[in-house]
């Protein structure tokens, strides 16, 4: 089982990769396709849901529920 510190670092890396990847996608959309549908919204929302579940699983209030 991973330590609390390892879980927190995993979440930080997940958040950082989420931000970087989505900023890149928005920049690509803005530079090449800004006259059309804002397509990055799909990955922002879908990945954001996964990130929210990751954060929920790492939250200190859930730490007591782990075995």
PDB file of N, CA and C in Angstrom:
ATOM      1  N   UNK A   1       0.843  -1.179   0.000  1.00  0.00           N
ATOM      2  CA  UNK A   1       0.000   0.000   0.000  1.00  0.00           C
ATOM      3  C   UNK A   1       0.890   1.245   0.000  1.00  0.00           C
ATOM      4  N   UNK A   2       0.500   2.239  -0.745  1.00  0.00           N
ATOM      5  CA  UNK A   2       1.275   3.474  -0.856  1.00  0.00           C
ATOM      6  C   UNK A   2       1.108   4.337   0.388  1.00  0.00           C
ATOM      7  N   UNK A   3       2.162   5.059   0.705  1.00  0.00           N
ATOM      8  CA  UNK A   3       2.097   5.982   1.835  1.00  0.00           C
ATOM      9  C   UNK A   3       1.278   7.215   1.446  1.00  0.00           C
ATOM     10  N   UNK A   4       0.889   7.965   2.451  1.00  0.00           N
ATOM     11  CA  UNK A   4       0.123   9.193   2.207  1.00  0.00           C
ATOM     12  C   UNK A   4       0.929  10.175   1.363  1.00  0.00           C
ATOM     13  N   UNK A   5       2.220  10.255   1.624  1.00  0.00           N
ATOM     14  CA  UNK A   5       3.087  11.157   0.855  1.00  0.00           C
ATOM     15  C   UNK A   5       3.127  10.749  -0.611  1.00  0.00           C
ATOM     16  N   UNK A   6       3.236   9.465  -0.875  1.00  0.00           N
ATOM     17  CA  UNK A   6       3.264   8.983  -2.261  1.00  0.00           C
ATOM     18  C   UNK A   6       1.943   9.279  -2.959  1.00  0.00           C
ATOM     19  N   UNK A   7       0.842   9.114  -2.257  1.00  0.00           N
ATOM     20  CA  UNK A   7      -0.471   9.419  -2.859  1.00  0.00           C
ATOM     21  C   UNK A   7      -0.596  10.907  -3.163  1.00  0.00           C
ATOM     22  N   UNK A   8      -0.114  11.758  -2.252  1.00  0.00           N
ATOM     23  CA  UNK A   8      -0.162  13.205  -2.479  1.00  0.00           C
ATOM     24  C   UNK A   8       0.700  13.602  -3.674  1.00  0.00           C
ATOM     25  N   UNK A   9       1.896  13.023  -3.790  1.00  0.00           N
ATOM     26  CA  UNK A   9       2.757  13.329  -4.940  1.00  0.00           C
ATOM     27  C   UNK A   9       2.118  12.852  -6.236  1.00  0.00           C
ATOM     28  N   UNK A  10       1.475  11.690  -6.195  1.00  0.00           N
ATOM     29  CA  UNK A  10       0.782  11.194  -7.380  1.00  0.00           C
ATOM     30  C   UNK A  10      -0.305  12.152  -7.831  1.00  0.00           C
ATOM     31  N   UNK A  11      -1.036  12.706  -6.877  1.00  0.00           N
ATOM     32  CA  UNK A  11      -2.080  13.677  -7.209  1.00  0.00           C
ATOM     33  C   UNK A  11      -1.467  14.957  -7.771  1.00  0.00           C
ATOM     34  N   UNK A  12      -0.381  15.420  -7.185  1.00  0.00           N
ATOM     35  CA  UNK A  12       0.271  16.640  -7.692  1.00  0.00           C
ATOM     36  C   UNK A  12       0.754  16.456  -9.127  1.00  0.00           C
ATOM     37  N   UNK A  13       1.332  15.310  -9.413  1.00  0.00           N
ATOM     38  CA  UNK A  13       1.789  15.026 -10.778  1.00  0.00           C
ATOM     39  C   UNK A  13       0.598  14.965 -11.726  1.00  0.00           C
ATOM     40  N   UNK A  14      -0.502  14.366 -11.275  1.00  0.00           N
ATOM     41  CA  UNK A  14      -1.712  14.284 -12.088  1.00  0.00           C
ATOM     42  C   UNK A  14      -2.246  15.685 -12.391  1.00  0.00           C
ATOM     43  N   UNK A  15      -2.298  16.546 -11.388  1.00  0.00           N
ATOM     44  CA  UNK A  15      -2.783  17.923 -11.582  1.00  0.00           C
ATOM     45  C   UNK A  15      -1.867  18.677 -12.539  1.00  0.00           C
ATOM     46  N   UNK A  16      -0.571  18.543 -12.354  1.00  0.00           N
ATOM     47  CA  UNK A  16       0.375  19.231 -13.236  1.00  0.00           C
ATOM     48  C   UNK A  16       0.229  18.768 -14.681  1.00  0.00           C
ATOM     49  N   UNK A  17       0.122  17.464 -14.898  1.00  0.00           N
ATOM     50  CA  UNK A  17      -0.029  16.969 -16.269  1.00  0.00           C
ATOM     51  C   UNK A  17      -1.366  17.403 -16.865  1.00  0.00           C
ATOM     52  N   UNK A  18      -2.411  17.462 -16.045  1.00  0.00           N
ATOM     53  CA  UNK A  18      -3.722  17.930 -16.499  1.00  0.00           C
ATOM     54  C   UNK A  18      -3.640  19.380 -16.976  1.00  0.00           C
ATOM     55  N   UNK A  19      -3.014  20.222 -16.167  1.00  0.00           N
ATOM     56  CA  UNK A  19      -2.912  21.643 -16.512  1.00  0.00           C
ATOM     57  C   UNK A  19      -2.069  21.840 -17.763  1.00  0.00           C
ATOM     58  N   UNK A  20      -0.899  21.227 -17.812  1.00  0.00           N
ATOM     59  CA  UNK A  20      -0.006  21.406 -18.958  1.00  0.00           C
ATOM     60  C   UNK A  20      -0.660  20.903 -20.243  1.00  0.00           C
ATOM     61  N   UNK A  21      -1.205  19.698 -20.213  1.00  0.00           N
ATOM     62  CA  UNK A  21      -1.808  19.126 -21.415  1.00  0.00           C
ATOM     63  C   UNK A  21      -2.991  19.954 -21.900  1.00  0.00           C
ATOM     64  N   UNK A  22      -3.807  20.437 -20.988  1.00  0.00           N
ATOM     65  CA  UNK A  22      -4.974  21.200 -21.407  1.00  0.00           C
ATOM     66  C   UNK A  22      -4.614  22.605 -21.863  1.00  0.00           C
ATOM     67  N   UNK A  23      -3.589  23.194 -21.286  1.00  0.00           N
ATOM     68  CA  UNK A  23      -3.115  24.488 -21.787  1.00  0.00           C
ATOM     69  C   UNK A  23      -2.597  24.324 -23.214  1.00  0.00           C
ATOM     70  N   UNK A  24      -1.860  23.255 -23.470  1.00  0.00           N
ATOM     71  CA  UNK A  24      -1.365  23.001 -24.830  1.00  0.00           C
ATOM     72  C   UNK A  24      -2.532  22.822 -25.797  1.00  0.00           C
ATOM     73  N   UNK A  25      -3.539  22.059 -25.400  1.00  0.00           N
ATOM     74  CA  UNK A  25      -4.693  21.850 -26.277  1.00  0.00           C
ATOM     75  C   UNK A  25      -5.428  23.157 -26.564  1.00  0.00           C
ATOM     76  N   UNK A  26      -5.610  23.978 -25.558  1.00  0.00           N
ATOM     77  CA  UNK A  26      -6.291  25.258 -25.768  1.00  0.00           C
ATOM     78  C   UNK A  26      -5.455  26.158 -26.674  1.00  0.00           C
ATOM     79  N   UNK A  27      -4.143  26.134 -26.503  1.00  0.00           N
ATOM     80  CA  UNK A  27      -3.285  26.937 -27.376  1.00  0.00           C
ATOM     81  C   UNK A  27      -3.368  26.462 -28.822  1.00  0.00           C
ATOM     82  N   UNK A  28      -3.376  25.152 -29.034  1.00  0.00           N
ATOM     83  CA  UNK A  28      -3.509  24.615 -30.395  1.00  0.00           C
ATOM     84  C   UNK A  28      -4.843  25.038 -30.983  1.00  0.00           C
ATOM     85  N   UNK A  29      -5.913  24.922 -30.207  1.00  0.00           N
ATOM     86  CA  UNK A  29      -7.233  25.336 -30.686  1.00  0.00           C
ATOM     87  C   UNK A  29      -7.220  26.822 -31.036  1.00  0.00           C
ATOM     88  N   UNK A  30      -6.667  27.637 -30.147  1.00  0.00           N
ATOM     89  CA  UNK A  30      -6.656  29.081 -30.343  1.00  0.00           C
ATOM     90  C   UNK A  30      -5.838  29.479 -31.565  1.00  0.00           C
ATOM     91  N   UNK A  31      -4.706  28.831 -31.774  1.00  0.00           N
ATOM     92  CA  UNK A  31      -3.836  29.186 -32.896  1.00  0.00           C
ATOM     93  C   UNK A  31      -4.361  28.705 -34.248  1.00  0.00           C
ATOM     94  N   UNK A  32      -4.998  27.542 -34.283  1.00  0.00           N
ATOM     95  CA  UNK A  32      -5.338  26.922 -35.558  1.00  0.00           C
ATOM     96  C   UNK A  32      -6.826  26.769 -35.844  1.00  0.00           C
ATOM     97  N   UNK A  33      -7.678  26.833 -34.826  1.00  0.00           N
ATOM     98  CA  UNK A  33      -9.075  26.467 -35.056  1.00  0.00           C
ATOM     99  C   UNK A  33     -10.043  27.302 -34.222  1.00  0.00           C
ATOM    100  N   UNK A  34      -9.672  28.509 -33.842  1.00  0.00           N
ATOM    101  CA  UNK A  34     -10.494  29.273 -32.902  1.00  0.00           C
ATOM    102  C   UNK A  34     -11.813  29.772 -33.487  1.00  0.00           C
ATOM    103  N   UNK A  35     -12.004  29.628 -34.778  1.00  0.00           N
ATOM    104  CA  UNK A  35     -13.273  30.040 -35.385  1.00  0.00           C
ATOM    105  C   UNK A  35     -14.331  28.952 -35.320  1.00  0.00           C
ATOM    106  N   UNK A  36     -13.955  27.796 -34.800  1.00  0.00           N
ATOM    107  CA  UNK A  36     -14.872  26.662 -34.730  1.00  0.00           C
ATOM    108  C   UNK A  36     -15.132  26.268 -33.283  1.00  0.00           C
ATOM    109  N   UNK A  37     -15.856  25.179 -33.145  1.00  0.00           N
ATOM    110  CA  UNK A  37     -16.230  24.645 -31.837  1.00  0.00           C
ATOM    111  C   UNK A  37     -15.013  24.508 -30.912  1.00  0.00           C
ATOM    112  N   UNK A  38     -15.179  24.822 -29.642  1.00  0.00           N
ATOM    113  CA  UNK A  38     -14.109  24.705 -28.649  1.00  0.00           C
ATOM    114  C   UNK A  38     -13.947  23.234 -28.261  1.00  0.00           C
ATOM    115  N   UNK A  39     -13.254  22.479 -29.130  1.00  0.00           N
ATOM    116  CA  UNK A  39     -13.110  21.039 -28.937  1.00  0.00           C
ATOM    117  C   UNK A  39     -12.311  20.627 -27.703  1.00  0.00           C
ATOM    118  N   UNK A  40     -11.402  21.445 -27.151  1.00  0.00           N
ATOM    119  CA  UNK A  40     -10.687  20.997 -25.943  1.00  0.00           C
ATOM    120  C   UNK A  40     -11.604  20.759 -24.743  1.00  0.00           C
ATOM    121  N   UNK A  41     -12.819  21.286 -24.803  1.00  0.00           N
ATOM    122  CA  UNK A  41     -13.730  21.120 -23.672  1.00  0.00           C
ATOM    123  C   UNK A  41     -13.956  19.645 -23.345  1.00  0.00           C
ATOM    124  N   UNK A  42     -13.944  18.777 -24.354  1.00  0.00           N
ATOM    125  CA  UNK A  42     -14.230  17.361 -24.113  1.00  0.00           C
ATOM    126  C   UNK A  42     -13.149  16.711 -23.258  1.00  0.00           C
ATOM    127  N   UNK A  43     -11.900  16.963 -23.572  1.00  0.00           N
ATOM    128  CA  UNK A  43     -10.838  16.370 -22.750  1.00  0.00           C
ATOM    129  C   UNK A  43     -10.724  17.074 -21.397  1.00  0.00           C
ATOM    130  N   UNK A  44     -10.995  18.372 -21.363  1.00  0.00           N
ATOM    131  CA  UNK A  44     -10.940  19.099 -20.091  1.00  0.00           C
ATOM    132  C   UNK A  44     -11.973  18.528 -19.119  1.00  0.00           C
ATOM    133  N   UNK A  45     -13.185  18.322 -19.599  1.00  0.00           N
ATOM    134  CA  UNK A  45     -14.252  17.801 -18.737  1.00  0.00           C
ATOM    135  C   UNK A  45     -14.003  16.340 -18.365  1.00  0.00           C
ATOM    136  N   UNK A  46     -13.705  15.503 -19.364  1.00  0.00           N
ATOM    137  CA  UNK A  46     -13.524  14.075 -19.090  1.00  0.00           C
ATOM    138  C   UNK A  46     -12.343  13.831 -18.154  1.00  0.00           C
ATOM    139  N   UNK A  47     -11.220  14.442 -18.452  1.00  0.00           N
ATOM    140  CA  UNK A  47     -10.040  14.276 -17.610  1.00  0.00           C
ATOM    141  C   UNK A  47     -10.278  14.924 -16.251  1.00  0.00           C
ATOM    142  N   UNK A  48     -11.014  16.024 -16.221  1.00  0.00           N
ATOM    143  CA  UNK A  48     -11.336  16.682 -14.956  1.00  0.00           C
ATOM    144  C   UNK A  48     -12.151  15.792 -14.036  1.00  0.00           C
ATOM    145  N   UNK A  49     -13.049  15.007 -14.609  1.00  0.00           N
ATOM    146  CA  UNK A  49     -13.826  14.053 -13.802  1.00  0.00           C
ATOM    147  C   UNK A  49     -12.894  13.018 -13.187  1.00  0.00           C
ATOM    148  N   UNK A  50     -11.989  12.485 -14.009  1.00  0.00           N
ATOM    149  CA  UNK A  50     -11.016  11.524 -13.486  1.00  0.00           C
ATOM    150  C   UNK A  50     -10.130  12.129 -12.415  1.00  0.00           C
ATOM    151  N   UNK A  51      -9.723  13.358 -12.620  1.00  0.00           N
ATOM    152  CA  UNK A  51      -8.888  14.060 -11.643  1.00  0.00           C
ATOM    153  C   UNK A  51      -9.658  14.291 -10.342  1.00  0.00           C
ATOM    154  N   UNK A  52     -10.925  14.623 -10.451  1.00  0.00           N
ATOM    155  CA  UNK A  52     -11.743  14.825  -9.250  1.00  0.00           C
ATOM    156  C   UNK A  52     -11.850  13.536  -8.437  1.00  0.00           C
ATOM    157  N   UNK A  53     -12.034  12.405  -9.118  1.00  0.00           N
ATOM    158  CA  UNK A  53     -12.086  11.124  -8.404  1.00  0.00           C
ATOM    159  C   UNK A  53     -10.734  10.793  -7.770  1.00  0.00           C
ATOM    160  N   UNK A  54      -9.658  11.113  -8.467  1.00  0.00           N
ATOM    161  CA  UNK A  54      -8.326  10.895  -7.905  1.00  0.00           C
ATOM    162  C   UNK A  54      -8.155  11.733  -6.637  1.00  0.00           C
ATOM    163  N   UNK A  55      -8.525  13.003  -6.703  1.00  0.00           N
ATOM    164  CA  UNK A  55      -8.412  13.888  -5.538  1.00  0.00           C
ATOM    165  C   UNK A  55      -9.295  13.400  -4.397  1.00  0.00           C
ATOM    166  N   UNK A  56     -10.475  12.932  -4.730  1.00  0.00           N
ATOM    167  CA  UNK A  56     -11.392  12.423  -3.710  1.00  0.00           C
ATOM    168  C   UNK A  56     -10.799  11.195  -3.023  1.00  0.00           C
ATOM    169  N   UNK A  57     -10.157  10.337  -3.804  1.00  0.00           N
ATOM    170  CA  UNK A  57      -9.547   9.140  -3.241  1.00  0.00           C
ATOM    171  C   UNK A  57      -8.337   9.422  -2.367  1.00  0.00           C
ATOM    172  N   UNK A  58      -7.684  10.540  -2.589  1.00  0.00           N
ATOM    173  CA  UNK A  58      -6.486  10.905  -1.832  1.00  0.00           C
ATOM    174  C   UNK A  58      -6.830  11.783  -0.635  1.00  0.00           C
ATOM    175  N   UNK A  59      -8.027  12.337  -0.598  1.00  0.00           N
ATOM    176  CA  UNK A  59      -8.388  13.311   0.438  1.00  0.00           C
ATOM    177  C   UNK A  59      -8.224  12.728   1.845  1.00  0.00           C
ATOM    178  N   UNK A  60      -7.780  13.547   2.782  1.00  0.00           N
ATOM    179  CA  UNK A  60      -7.556  13.082   4.158  1.00  0.00           C
ATOM    180  C   UNK A  60      -8.811  12.526   4.823  1.00  0.00           C
ATOM    181  N   UNK A  61      -9.981  13.015   4.460  1.00  0.00           N
ATOM    182  CA  UNK A  61     -11.213  12.527   5.079  1.00  0.00           C
ATOM    183  C   UNK A  61     -11.480  11.072   4.720  1.00  0.00           C
ATOM    184  N   UNK A  62     -10.903  10.604   3.615  1.00  0.00           N
ATOM    185  CA  UNK A  62     -11.083   9.211   3.216  1.00  0.00           C
ATOM    186  C   UNK A  62      -9.958   8.324   3.739  1.00  0.00           C
ATOM    187  N   UNK A  63      -8.942   8.911   4.347  1.00  0.00           N
ATOM    188  CA  UNK A  63      -7.792   8.140   4.807  1.00  0.00           C
ATOM    189  C   UNK A  63      -8.193   7.102   5.855  1.00  0.00           C
ATOM    190  N   UNK A  64      -9.173   7.408   6.669  1.00  0.00           N
ATOM    191  CA  UNK A  64      -9.626   6.468   7.682  1.00  0.00           C
ATOM    192  C   UNK A  64     -10.351   5.266   7.111  1.00  0.00           C
ATOM    193  N   UNK A  65     -10.786   5.341   5.864  1.00  0.00           N
ATOM    194  CA  UNK A  65     -11.521   4.249   5.238  1.00  0.00           C
ATOM    195  C   UNK A  65     -10.596   3.233   4.577  1.00  0.00           C
ATOM    196  N   UNK A  66      -9.305   3.523   4.509  1.00  0.00           N
ATOM    197  CA  UNK A  66      -8.353   2.599   3.878  1.00  0.00           C
ATOM    198  C   UNK A  66      -7.956   1.522   4.876  1.00  0.00           C
ATOM    199  N   UNK A  67      -7.627   0.373   4.372  1.00  0.00           N
ATOM    200  CA  UNK A  67      -7.193  -0.727   5.247  1.00  0.00           C
ATOM    201  C   UNK A  67      -5.725  -0.949   5.127  1.00  0.00           C
TER     202      UNK A  67
END
